PDB file of all heavy atoms in Angstrom:
ATOM      1  N   GLU A   1     -10.416  13.826  -8.770  1.00  0.00           N
ATOM      2  CA  GLU A   1      -9.079  13.336  -9.020  1.00  0.00           C
ATOM      3  C   GLU A   1      -8.488  12.889  -7.692  1.00  0.00           C
ATOM      4  O   GLU A   1      -8.864  13.381  -6.636  1.00  0.00           O
ATOM      5  CB  GLU A   1      -8.205  14.383  -9.696  1.00  0.00           C
ATOM      6  CG  GLU A   1      -7.984  15.632  -8.913  1.00  0.00           C
ATOM      7  CD  GLU A   1      -7.122  16.635  -9.690  1.00  0.00           C
ATOM      8  OE1 GLU A   1      -6.558  16.291 -10.739  1.00  0.00           O
ATOM      9  OE2 GLU A   1      -7.017  17.757  -9.217  1.00  0.00           O
ATOM     10  N   LEU A   2      -7.592  11.919  -7.756  1.00  0.00           N
ATOM     11  CA  LEU A   2      -7.068  11.291  -6.549  1.00  0.00           C
ATOM     12  C   LEU A   2      -5.612  10.909  -6.785  1.00  0.00           C
ATOM     13  O   LEU A   2      -5.267  10.385  -7.845  1.00  0.00           O
ATOM     14  CB  LEU A   2      -7.890  10.046  -6.230  1.00  0.00           C
ATOM     15  CG  LEU A   2      -7.533   9.214  -5.025  1.00  0.00           C
ATOM     16  CD1 LEU A   2      -7.754  10.009  -3.742  1.00  0.00           C
ATOM     17  CD2 LEU A   2      -8.373   7.950  -5.000  1.00  0.00           C
ATOM     18  N   TYR A   3      -4.761  11.183  -5.808  1.00  0.00           N
ATOM     19  CA  TYR A   3      -3.358  10.794  -5.845  1.00  0.00           C
ATOM     20  C   TYR A   3      -3.146   9.686  -4.812  1.00  0.00           C
ATOM     21  O   TYR A   3      -3.851   9.636  -3.809  1.00  0.00           O
ATOM     22  CB  TYR A   3      -2.453  11.982  -5.489  1.00  0.00           C
ATOM     23  CG  TYR A   3      -2.633  13.159  -6.405  1.00  0.00           C
ATOM     24  CD1 TYR A   3      -3.575  14.143  -6.120  1.00  0.00           C
ATOM     25  CD2 TYR A   3      -1.865  13.287  -7.555  1.00  0.00           C
ATOM     26  CE1 TYR A   3      -3.742  15.233  -6.954  1.00  0.00           C
ATOM     27  CE2 TYR A   3      -2.030  14.373  -8.403  1.00  0.00           C
ATOM     28  CZ  TYR A   3      -2.971  15.343  -8.092  1.00  0.00           C
ATOM     29  OH  TYR A   3      -3.139  16.408  -8.936  1.00  0.00           O
ATOM     30  N   SER A   4      -2.158   8.817  -5.037  1.00  0.00           N
ATOM     31  CA  SER A   4      -1.888   7.760  -4.065  1.00  0.00           C
ATOM     32  C   SER A   4      -0.402   7.424  -4.031  1.00  0.00           C
ATOM     33  O   SER A   4       0.311   7.603  -5.025  1.00  0.00           O
ATOM     34  CB  SER A   4      -2.705   6.503  -4.388  1.00  0.00           C
ATOM     35  OG  SER A   4      -2.306   5.961  -5.616  1.00  0.00           O
ATOM     36  N   ALA A   5       0.034   6.948  -2.881  1.00  0.00           N
ATOM     37  CA  ALA A   5       1.398   6.464  -2.691  1.00  0.00           C
ATOM     38  C   ALA A   5       1.300   5.151  -1.919  1.00  0.00           C
ATOM     39  O   ALA A   5       0.566   5.055  -0.930  1.00  0.00           O
ATOM     40  CB  ALA A   5       2.229   7.474  -1.917  1.00  0.00           C
ATOM     41  N   LEU A   6       2.023   4.131  -2.371  1.00  0.00           N
ATOM     42  CA  LEU A   6       1.970   2.799  -1.775  1.00  0.00           C
ATOM     43  C   LEU A   6       3.377   2.343  -1.435  1.00  0.00           C
ATOM     44  O   LEU A   6       4.298   2.519  -2.236  1.00  0.00           O
ATOM     45  CB  LEU A   6       1.350   1.812  -2.766  1.00  0.00           C
ATOM     46  CG  LEU A   6       1.428   0.334  -2.408  1.00  0.00           C
ATOM     47  CD1 LEU A   6       0.355  -0.015  -1.387  1.00  0.00           C
ATOM     48  CD2 LEU A   6       1.305  -0.528  -3.632  1.00  0.00           C
ATOM     49  N   LEU A   7       3.542   1.758  -0.256  1.00  0.00           N
ATOM     50  CA  LEU A   7       4.781   1.107   0.140  1.00  0.00           C
ATOM     51  C   LEU A   7       4.410  -0.269   0.655  1.00  0.00           C
ATOM     52  O   LEU A   7       3.559  -0.403   1.537  1.00  0.00           O
ATOM     53  CB  LEU A   7       5.503   1.893   1.239  1.00  0.00           C
ATOM     54  CG  LEU A   7       6.743   1.224   1.845  1.00  0.00           C
ATOM     55  CD1 LEU A   7       7.809   0.977   0.788  1.00  0.00           C
ATOM     56  CD2 LEU A   7       7.292   2.058   2.976  1.00  0.00           C
ATOM     57  N   GLU A   8       5.046  -1.308   0.095  1.00  0.00           N
ATOM     58  CA  GLU A   8       4.685  -2.686   0.442  1.00  0.00           C
ATOM     59  C   GLU A   8       5.940  -3.535   0.561  1.00  0.00           C
ATOM     60  O   GLU A   8       6.880  -3.384  -0.208  1.00  0.00           O
ATOM     61  CB  GLU A   8       3.781  -3.230  -0.662  1.00  0.00           C
ATOM     62  CG  GLU A   8       3.146  -4.541  -0.385  1.00  0.00           C
ATOM     63  CD  GLU A   8       2.153  -4.906  -1.468  1.00  0.00           C
ATOM     64  OE1 GLU A   8       2.596  -5.274  -2.574  1.00  0.00           O
ATOM     65  OE2 GLU A   8       0.949  -4.807  -1.217  1.00  0.00           O
ATOM     66  N   LEU A   9       5.950  -4.419   1.562  1.00  0.00           N
ATOM     67  CA  LEU A   9       6.997  -5.423   1.728  1.00  0.00           C
ATOM     68  C   LEU A   9       6.368  -6.792   1.579  1.00  0.00           C
ATOM     69  O   LEU A   9       5.239  -7.009   2.030  1.00  0.00           O
ATOM     70  CB  LEU A   9       7.641  -5.319   3.115  1.00  0.00           C
ATOM     71  CG  LEU A   9       8.452  -4.065   3.403  1.00  0.00           C
ATOM     72  CD1 LEU A   9       8.899  -4.069   4.861  1.00  0.00           C
ATOM     73  CD2 LEU A   9       9.643  -3.960   2.478  1.00  0.00           C
ATOM     74  N   SER A  10       7.087  -7.722   0.962  1.00  0.00           N
ATOM     75  CA  SER A  10       6.556  -9.074   0.824  1.00  0.00           C
ATOM     76  C   SER A  10       7.668 -10.092   1.080  1.00  0.00           C
ATOM     77  O   SER A  10       8.829  -9.854   0.779  1.00  0.00           O
ATOM     78  CB  SER A  10       5.945  -9.292  -0.561  1.00  0.00           C
ATOM     79  OG  SER A  10       6.906  -9.109  -1.568  1.00  0.00           O
ATOM     80  N   HIS A  11       7.268 -11.212   1.650  1.00  0.00           N
ATOM     81  CA  HIS A  11       8.190 -12.299   1.976  1.00  0.00           C
ATOM     82  C   HIS A  11       7.607 -13.582   1.393  1.00  0.00           C
ATOM     83  O   HIS A  11       6.445 -13.882   1.587  1.00  0.00           O
ATOM     84  CB  HIS A  11       8.335 -12.430   3.493  1.00  0.00           C
ATOM     85  CG  HIS A  11       9.183 -13.589   3.916  1.00  0.00           C
ATOM     86  ND1 HIS A  11      10.555 -13.554   3.852  1.00  0.00           N
ATOM     87  CD2 HIS A  11       8.862 -14.812   4.377  1.00  0.00           C
ATOM     88  CE1 HIS A  11      11.039 -14.713   4.281  1.00  0.00           C
ATOM     89  NE2 HIS A  11      10.016 -15.495   4.605  1.00  0.00           N
ATOM     90  N   ARG A  12       8.434 -14.335   0.683  1.00  0.00           N
ATOM     91  CA  ARG A  12       7.971 -15.582   0.082  1.00  0.00           C
ATOM     92  C   ARG A  12       8.973 -16.673   0.402  1.00  0.00           C
ATOM     93  O   ARG A  12      10.166 -16.507   0.206  1.00  0.00           O
ATOM     94  CB  ARG A  12       7.843 -15.413  -1.419  1.00  0.00           C
ATOM     95  CG  ARG A  12       7.266 -16.614  -2.119  1.00  0.00           C
ATOM     96  CD  ARG A  12       7.079 -16.309  -3.587  1.00  0.00           C
ATOM     97  NE  ARG A  12       6.313 -15.084  -3.760  1.00  0.00           N
ATOM     98  CZ  ARG A  12       5.073 -15.032  -4.219  1.00  0.00           C
ATOM     99  NH1 ARG A  12       4.466 -16.126  -4.579  1.00  0.00           N
ATOM    100  NH2 ARG A  12       4.454 -13.882  -4.347  1.00  0.00           N
ATOM    101  N   GLU A  13       8.455 -17.759   0.914  1.00  0.00           N
ATOM    102  CA  GLU A  13       9.306 -18.910   1.203  1.00  0.00           C
ATOM    103  C   GLU A  13       8.482 -20.180   1.042  1.00  0.00           C
ATOM    104  O   GLU A  13       7.517 -20.397   1.779  1.00  0.00           O
ATOM    105  CB  GLU A  13       9.871 -18.815   2.620  1.00  0.00           C
ATOM    106  CG  GLU A  13      10.981 -19.788   2.872  1.00  0.00           C
ATOM    107  CD  GLU A  13      11.838 -19.398   4.058  1.00  0.00           C
ATOM    108  OE1 GLU A  13      11.840 -18.243   4.477  1.00  0.00           O
ATOM    109  OE2 GLU A  13      12.499 -20.300   4.552  1.00  0.00           O
ATOM    110  N   GLY A  14       8.844 -20.995   0.073  1.00  0.00           N
ATOM    111  CA  GLY A  14       8.104 -22.218  -0.189  1.00  0.00           C
ATOM    112  C   GLY A  14       6.671 -21.908  -0.603  1.00  0.00           C
ATOM    113  O   GLY A  14       6.424 -21.091  -1.475  1.00  0.00           O
ATOM    114  N   LYS A  15       5.715 -22.529   0.068  1.00  0.00           N
ATOM    115  CA  LYS A  15       4.298 -22.355  -0.258  1.00  0.00           C
ATOM    116  C   LYS A  15       3.658 -21.155   0.445  1.00  0.00           C
ATOM    117  O   LYS A  15       2.515 -20.826   0.186  1.00  0.00           O
ATOM    118  CB  LYS A  15       3.524 -23.613   0.124  1.00  0.00           C
ATOM    119  CG  LYS A  15       3.904 -24.819  -0.690  1.00  0.00           C
ATOM    120  CD  LYS A  15       3.056 -25.994  -0.296  1.00  0.00           C
ATOM    121  CE  LYS A  15       3.329 -27.185  -1.195  1.00  0.00           C
ATOM    122  NZ  LYS A  15       2.366 -28.250  -0.982  1.00  0.00           N
ATOM    123  N   LEU A  16       4.402 -20.497   1.340  1.00  0.00           N
ATOM    124  CA  LEU A  16       3.871 -19.392   2.138  1.00  0.00           C
ATOM    125  C   LEU A  16       4.374 -18.054   1.622  1.00  0.00           C
ATOM    126  O   LEU A  16       5.566 -17.877   1.378  1.00  0.00           O
ATOM    127  CB  LEU A  16       4.285 -19.562   3.600  1.00  0.00           C
ATOM    128  CG  LEU A  16       3.794 -18.497   4.575  1.00  0.00           C
ATOM    129  CD1 LEU A  16       2.275 -18.547   4.704  1.00  0.00           C
ATOM    130  CD2 LEU A  16       4.451 -18.697   5.927  1.00  0.00           C
ATOM    131  N   SER A  17       3.462 -17.114   1.460  1.00  0.00           N
ATOM    132  CA  SER A  17       3.854 -15.743   1.131  1.00  0.00           C
ATOM    133  C   SER A  17       3.114 -14.789   2.056  1.00  0.00           C
ATOM    134  O   SER A  17       1.934 -14.979   2.352  1.00  0.00           O
ATOM    135  CB  SER A  17       3.581 -15.415  -0.335  1.00  0.00           C
ATOM    136  OG  SER A  17       2.206 -15.365  -0.591  1.00  0.00           O
ATOM    137  N   LEU A  18       3.828 -13.784   2.534  1.00  0.00           N
ATOM    138  CA  LEU A  18       3.281 -12.763   3.424  1.00  0.00           C
ATOM    139  C   LEU A  18       3.565 -11.402   2.821  1.00  0.00           C
ATOM    140  O   LEU A  18       4.639 -11.178   2.261  1.00  0.00           O
ATOM    141  CB  LEU A  18       3.932 -12.855   4.806  1.00  0.00           C
ATOM    142  CG  LEU A  18       3.862 -14.191   5.508  1.00  0.00           C
ATOM    143  CD1 LEU A  18       4.782 -14.191   6.721  1.00  0.00           C
ATOM    144  CD2 LEU A  18       2.431 -14.494   5.915  1.00  0.00           C
ATOM    145  N   LYS A  19       2.601 -10.485   2.938  1.00  0.00           N
ATOM    146  CA  LYS A  19       2.856  -9.122   2.495  1.00  0.00           C
ATOM    147  C   LYS A  19       2.131  -8.155   3.411  1.00  0.00           C
ATOM    148  O   LYS A  19       1.106  -8.475   3.997  1.00  0.00           O
ATOM    149  CB  LYS A  19       2.473  -8.910   1.038  1.00  0.00           C
ATOM    150  CG  LYS A  19       0.989  -8.888   0.754  1.00  0.00           C
ATOM    151  CD  LYS A  19       0.753  -8.604  -0.722  1.00  0.00           C
ATOM    152  CE  LYS A  19      -0.725  -8.611  -1.020  1.00  0.00           C
ATOM    153  NZ  LYS A  19      -0.996  -8.296  -2.419  1.00  0.00           N
ATOM    154  N   GLY A  20       2.695  -6.980   3.527  1.00  0.00           N
ATOM    155  CA  GLY A  20       2.099  -5.931   4.333  1.00  0.00           C
ATOM    156  C   GLY A  20       2.460  -4.592   3.744  1.00  0.00           C
ATOM    157  O   GLY A  20       3.516  -4.438   3.120  1.00  0.00           O
ATOM    158  N   GLY A  21       1.585  -3.638   3.907  1.00  0.00           N
ATOM    159  CA  GLY A  21       1.880  -2.333   3.335  1.00  0.00           C
ATOM    160  C   GLY A  21       0.939  -1.252   3.800  1.00  0.00           C
ATOM    161  O   GLY A  21      -0.034  -1.506   4.517  1.00  0.00           O
ATOM    162  N   VAL A  22       1.270  -0.043   3.387  1.00  0.00           N
ATOM    163  CA  VAL A  22       0.437   1.125   3.659  1.00  0.00           C
ATOM    164  C   VAL A  22       0.203   1.866   2.346  1.00  0.00           C
ATOM    165  O   VAL A  22       1.056   1.875   1.454  1.00  0.00           O
ATOM    166  CB  VAL A  22       1.082   2.071   4.702  1.00  0.00           C
ATOM    167  CG1 VAL A  22       1.122   1.420   6.066  1.00  0.00           C
ATOM    168  CG2 VAL A  22       2.458   2.517   4.276  1.00  0.00           C
ATOM    169  N   LYS A  23      -0.989   2.457   2.233  1.00  0.00           N
ATOM    170  CA  LYS A  23      -1.338   3.265   1.067  1.00  0.00           C
ATOM    171  C   LYS A  23      -1.917   4.580   1.562  1.00  0.00           C
ATOM    172  O   LYS A  23      -2.841   4.600   2.371  1.00  0.00           O
ATOM    173  CB  LYS A  23      -2.359   2.549   0.191  1.00  0.00           C
ATOM    174  CG  LYS A  23      -2.785   3.380  -1.012  1.00  0.00           C
ATOM    175  CD  LYS A  23      -3.664   2.608  -1.988  1.00  0.00           C
ATOM    176  CE  LYS A  23      -5.024   2.347  -1.413  1.00  0.00           C
ATOM    177  NZ  LYS A  23      -5.974   1.811  -2.394  1.00  0.00           N
ATOM    178  N   TYR A  24      -1.352   5.680   1.097  1.00  0.00           N
ATOM    179  CA  TYR A  24      -1.840   7.015   1.430  1.00  0.00           C
ATOM    180  C   TYR A  24      -2.508   7.580   0.187  1.00  0.00           C
ATOM    181  O   TYR A  24      -1.938   7.525  -0.905  1.00  0.00           O
ATOM    182  CB  TYR A  24      -0.679   7.907   1.875  1.00  0.00           C
ATOM    183  CG  TYR A  24      -1.093   9.296   2.278  1.00  0.00           C
ATOM    184  CD1 TYR A  24      -1.859   9.491   3.422  1.00  0.00           C
ATOM    185  CD2 TYR A  24      -0.741  10.393   1.525  1.00  0.00           C
ATOM    186  CE1 TYR A  24      -2.250  10.767   3.804  1.00  0.00           C
ATOM    187  CE2 TYR A  24      -1.121  11.671   1.899  1.00  0.00           C
ATOM    188  CZ  TYR A  24      -1.876  11.844   3.031  1.00  0.00           C
ATOM    189  OH  TYR A  24      -2.267  13.102   3.412  1.00  0.00           O
ATOM    190  N   GLN A  25      -3.728   8.099   0.346  1.00  0.00           N
ATOM    191  CA  GLN A  25      -4.476   8.694  -0.761  1.00  0.00           C
ATOM    192  C   GLN A  25      -4.820  10.133  -0.399  1.00  0.00           C
ATOM    193  O   GLN A  25      -5.133  10.413   0.757  1.00  0.00           O
ATOM    194  CB  GLN A  25      -5.786   7.943  -1.010  1.00  0.00           C
ATOM    195  CG  GLN A  25      -5.614   6.499  -1.340  1.00  0.00           C
ATOM    196  CD  GLN A  25      -6.960   5.828  -1.546  1.00  0.00           C
ATOM    197  OE1 GLN A  25      -7.233   5.363  -2.624  1.00  0.00           O
ATOM    198  NE2 GLN A  25      -7.786   5.760  -0.521  1.00  0.00           N
ATOM    199  N   TRP A  26      -4.816  11.036  -1.382  1.00  0.00           N
ATOM    200  CA  TRP A  26      -5.160  12.417  -1.098  1.00  0.00           C
ATOM    201  C   TRP A  26      -5.682  13.111  -2.349  1.00  0.00           C
ATOM    202  O   TRP A  26      -5.429  12.688  -3.464  1.00  0.00           O
ATOM    203  CB  TRP A  26      -3.967  13.166  -0.511  1.00  0.00           C
ATOM    204  CG  TRP A  26      -2.866  13.468  -1.483  1.00  0.00           C
ATOM    205  CD1 TRP A  26      -2.681  14.635  -2.177  1.00  0.00           C
ATOM    206  CD2 TRP A  26      -1.801  12.603  -1.889  1.00  0.00           C
ATOM    207  NE1 TRP A  26      -1.570  14.534  -2.978  1.00  0.00           N
ATOM    208  CE2 TRP A  26      -1.010  13.308  -2.820  1.00  0.00           C
ATOM    209  CE3 TRP A  26      -1.436  11.299  -1.567  1.00  0.00           C
ATOM    210  CZ2 TRP A  26       0.111  12.763  -3.415  1.00  0.00           C
ATOM    211  CZ3 TRP A  26      -0.317  10.752  -2.161  1.00  0.00           C
ATOM    212  CH2 TRP A  26       0.444  11.473  -3.067  1.00  0.00           C
ATOM    213  N   ASN A  27      -6.440  14.174  -2.116  1.00  0.00           N
ATOM    214  CA  ASN A  27      -6.836  15.116  -3.154  1.00  0.00           C
ATOM    215  C   ASN A  27      -7.037  16.467  -2.474  1.00  0.00           C
ATOM    216  O   ASN A  27      -6.610  16.645  -1.331  1.00  0.00           O
ATOM    217  CB  ASN A  27      -8.065  14.634  -3.943  1.00  0.00           C
ATOM    218  CG  ASN A  27      -9.330  14.533  -3.118  1.00  0.00           C
ATOM    219  OD1 ASN A  27      -9.419  15.062  -2.019  1.00  0.00           O
ATOM    220  ND2 ASN A  27     -10.316  13.845  -3.652  1.00  0.00           N
ATOM    221  N   THR A  28      -7.685  17.411  -3.127  1.00  0.00           N
ATOM    222  CA  THR A  28      -7.816  18.756  -2.552  1.00  0.00           C
ATOM    223  C   THR A  28      -8.811  18.815  -1.398  1.00  0.00           C
ATOM    224  O   THR A  28      -8.787  19.757  -0.618  1.00  0.00           O
ATOM    225  CB  THR A  28      -8.246  19.762  -3.632  1.00  0.00           C
ATOM    226  OG1 THR A  28      -9.475  19.309  -4.219  1.00  0.00           O
ATOM    227  CG2 THR A  28      -7.180  19.897  -4.703  1.00  0.00           C
ATOM    228  N   ARG A  29      -9.661  17.795  -1.249  1.00  0.00           N
ATOM    229  CA  ARG A  29     -10.695  17.818  -0.205  1.00  0.00           C
ATOM    230  C   ARG A  29     -10.373  16.971   1.011  1.00  0.00           C
ATOM    231  O   ARG A  29     -10.805  17.270   2.113  1.00  0.00           O
ATOM    232  CB  ARG A  29     -12.032  17.343  -0.776  1.00  0.00           C
ATOM    233  CG  ARG A  29     -12.584  18.243  -1.850  1.00  0.00           C
ATOM    234  CD  ARG A  29     -13.861  17.697  -2.422  1.00  0.00           C
ATOM    235  NE  ARG A  29     -13.629  16.310  -2.815  1.00  0.00           N
ATOM    236  CZ  ARG A  29     -14.563  15.383  -2.890  1.00  0.00           C
ATOM    237  NH1 ARG A  29     -15.788  15.688  -2.596  1.00  0.00           N
ATOM    238  NH2 ARG A  29     -14.281  14.163  -3.244  1.00  0.00           N
ATOM    239  N   ALA A  30      -9.638  15.877   0.841  1.00  0.00           N
ATOM    240  CA  ALA A  30      -9.460  14.938   1.957  1.00  0.00           C
ATOM    241  C   ALA A  30      -8.224  14.072   1.729  1.00  0.00           C
ATOM    242  O   ALA A  30      -7.603  14.120   0.673  1.00  0.00           O
ATOM    243  CB  ALA A  30     -10.699  14.056   2.094  1.00  0.00           C
ATOM    244  N   SER A  31      -7.905  13.282   2.741  1.00  0.00           N
ATOM    245  CA  SER A  31      -6.835  12.291   2.621  1.00  0.00           C
ATOM    246  C   SER A  31      -7.158  11.128   3.549  1.00  0.00           C
ATOM    247  O   SER A  31      -7.946  11.255   4.484  1.00  0.00           O
ATOM    248  CB  SER A  31      -5.477  12.899   2.980  1.00  0.00           C
ATOM    249  OG  SER A  31      -5.445  13.272   4.334  1.00  0.00           O
ATOM    250  N   ASN A  32      -6.538   9.979   3.273  1.00  0.00           N
ATOM    251  CA  ASN A  32      -6.687   8.844   4.177  1.00  0.00           C
ATOM    252  C   ASN A  32      -5.471   7.921   4.059  1.00  0.00           C
ATOM    253  O   ASN A  32      -4.705   8.000   3.102  1.00  0.00           O
ATOM    254  CB  ASN A  32      -8.020   8.099   3.991  1.00  0.00           C
ATOM    255  CG  ASN A  32      -8.203   7.503   2.624  1.00  0.00           C
ATOM    256  OD1 ASN A  32      -7.272   7.037   1.988  1.00  0.00           O
ATOM    257  ND2 ASN A  32      -9.447   7.495   2.158  1.00  0.00           N
TER     258      ASN A  32
END
């Protein structure tokens, strides 16, 4: 089993779109 949390920002203007974010994953054995 695995849990996750995501935070993302995105910018869109005309034909260009940019996005960036972080995702944290964890369970009882490890995290990243």
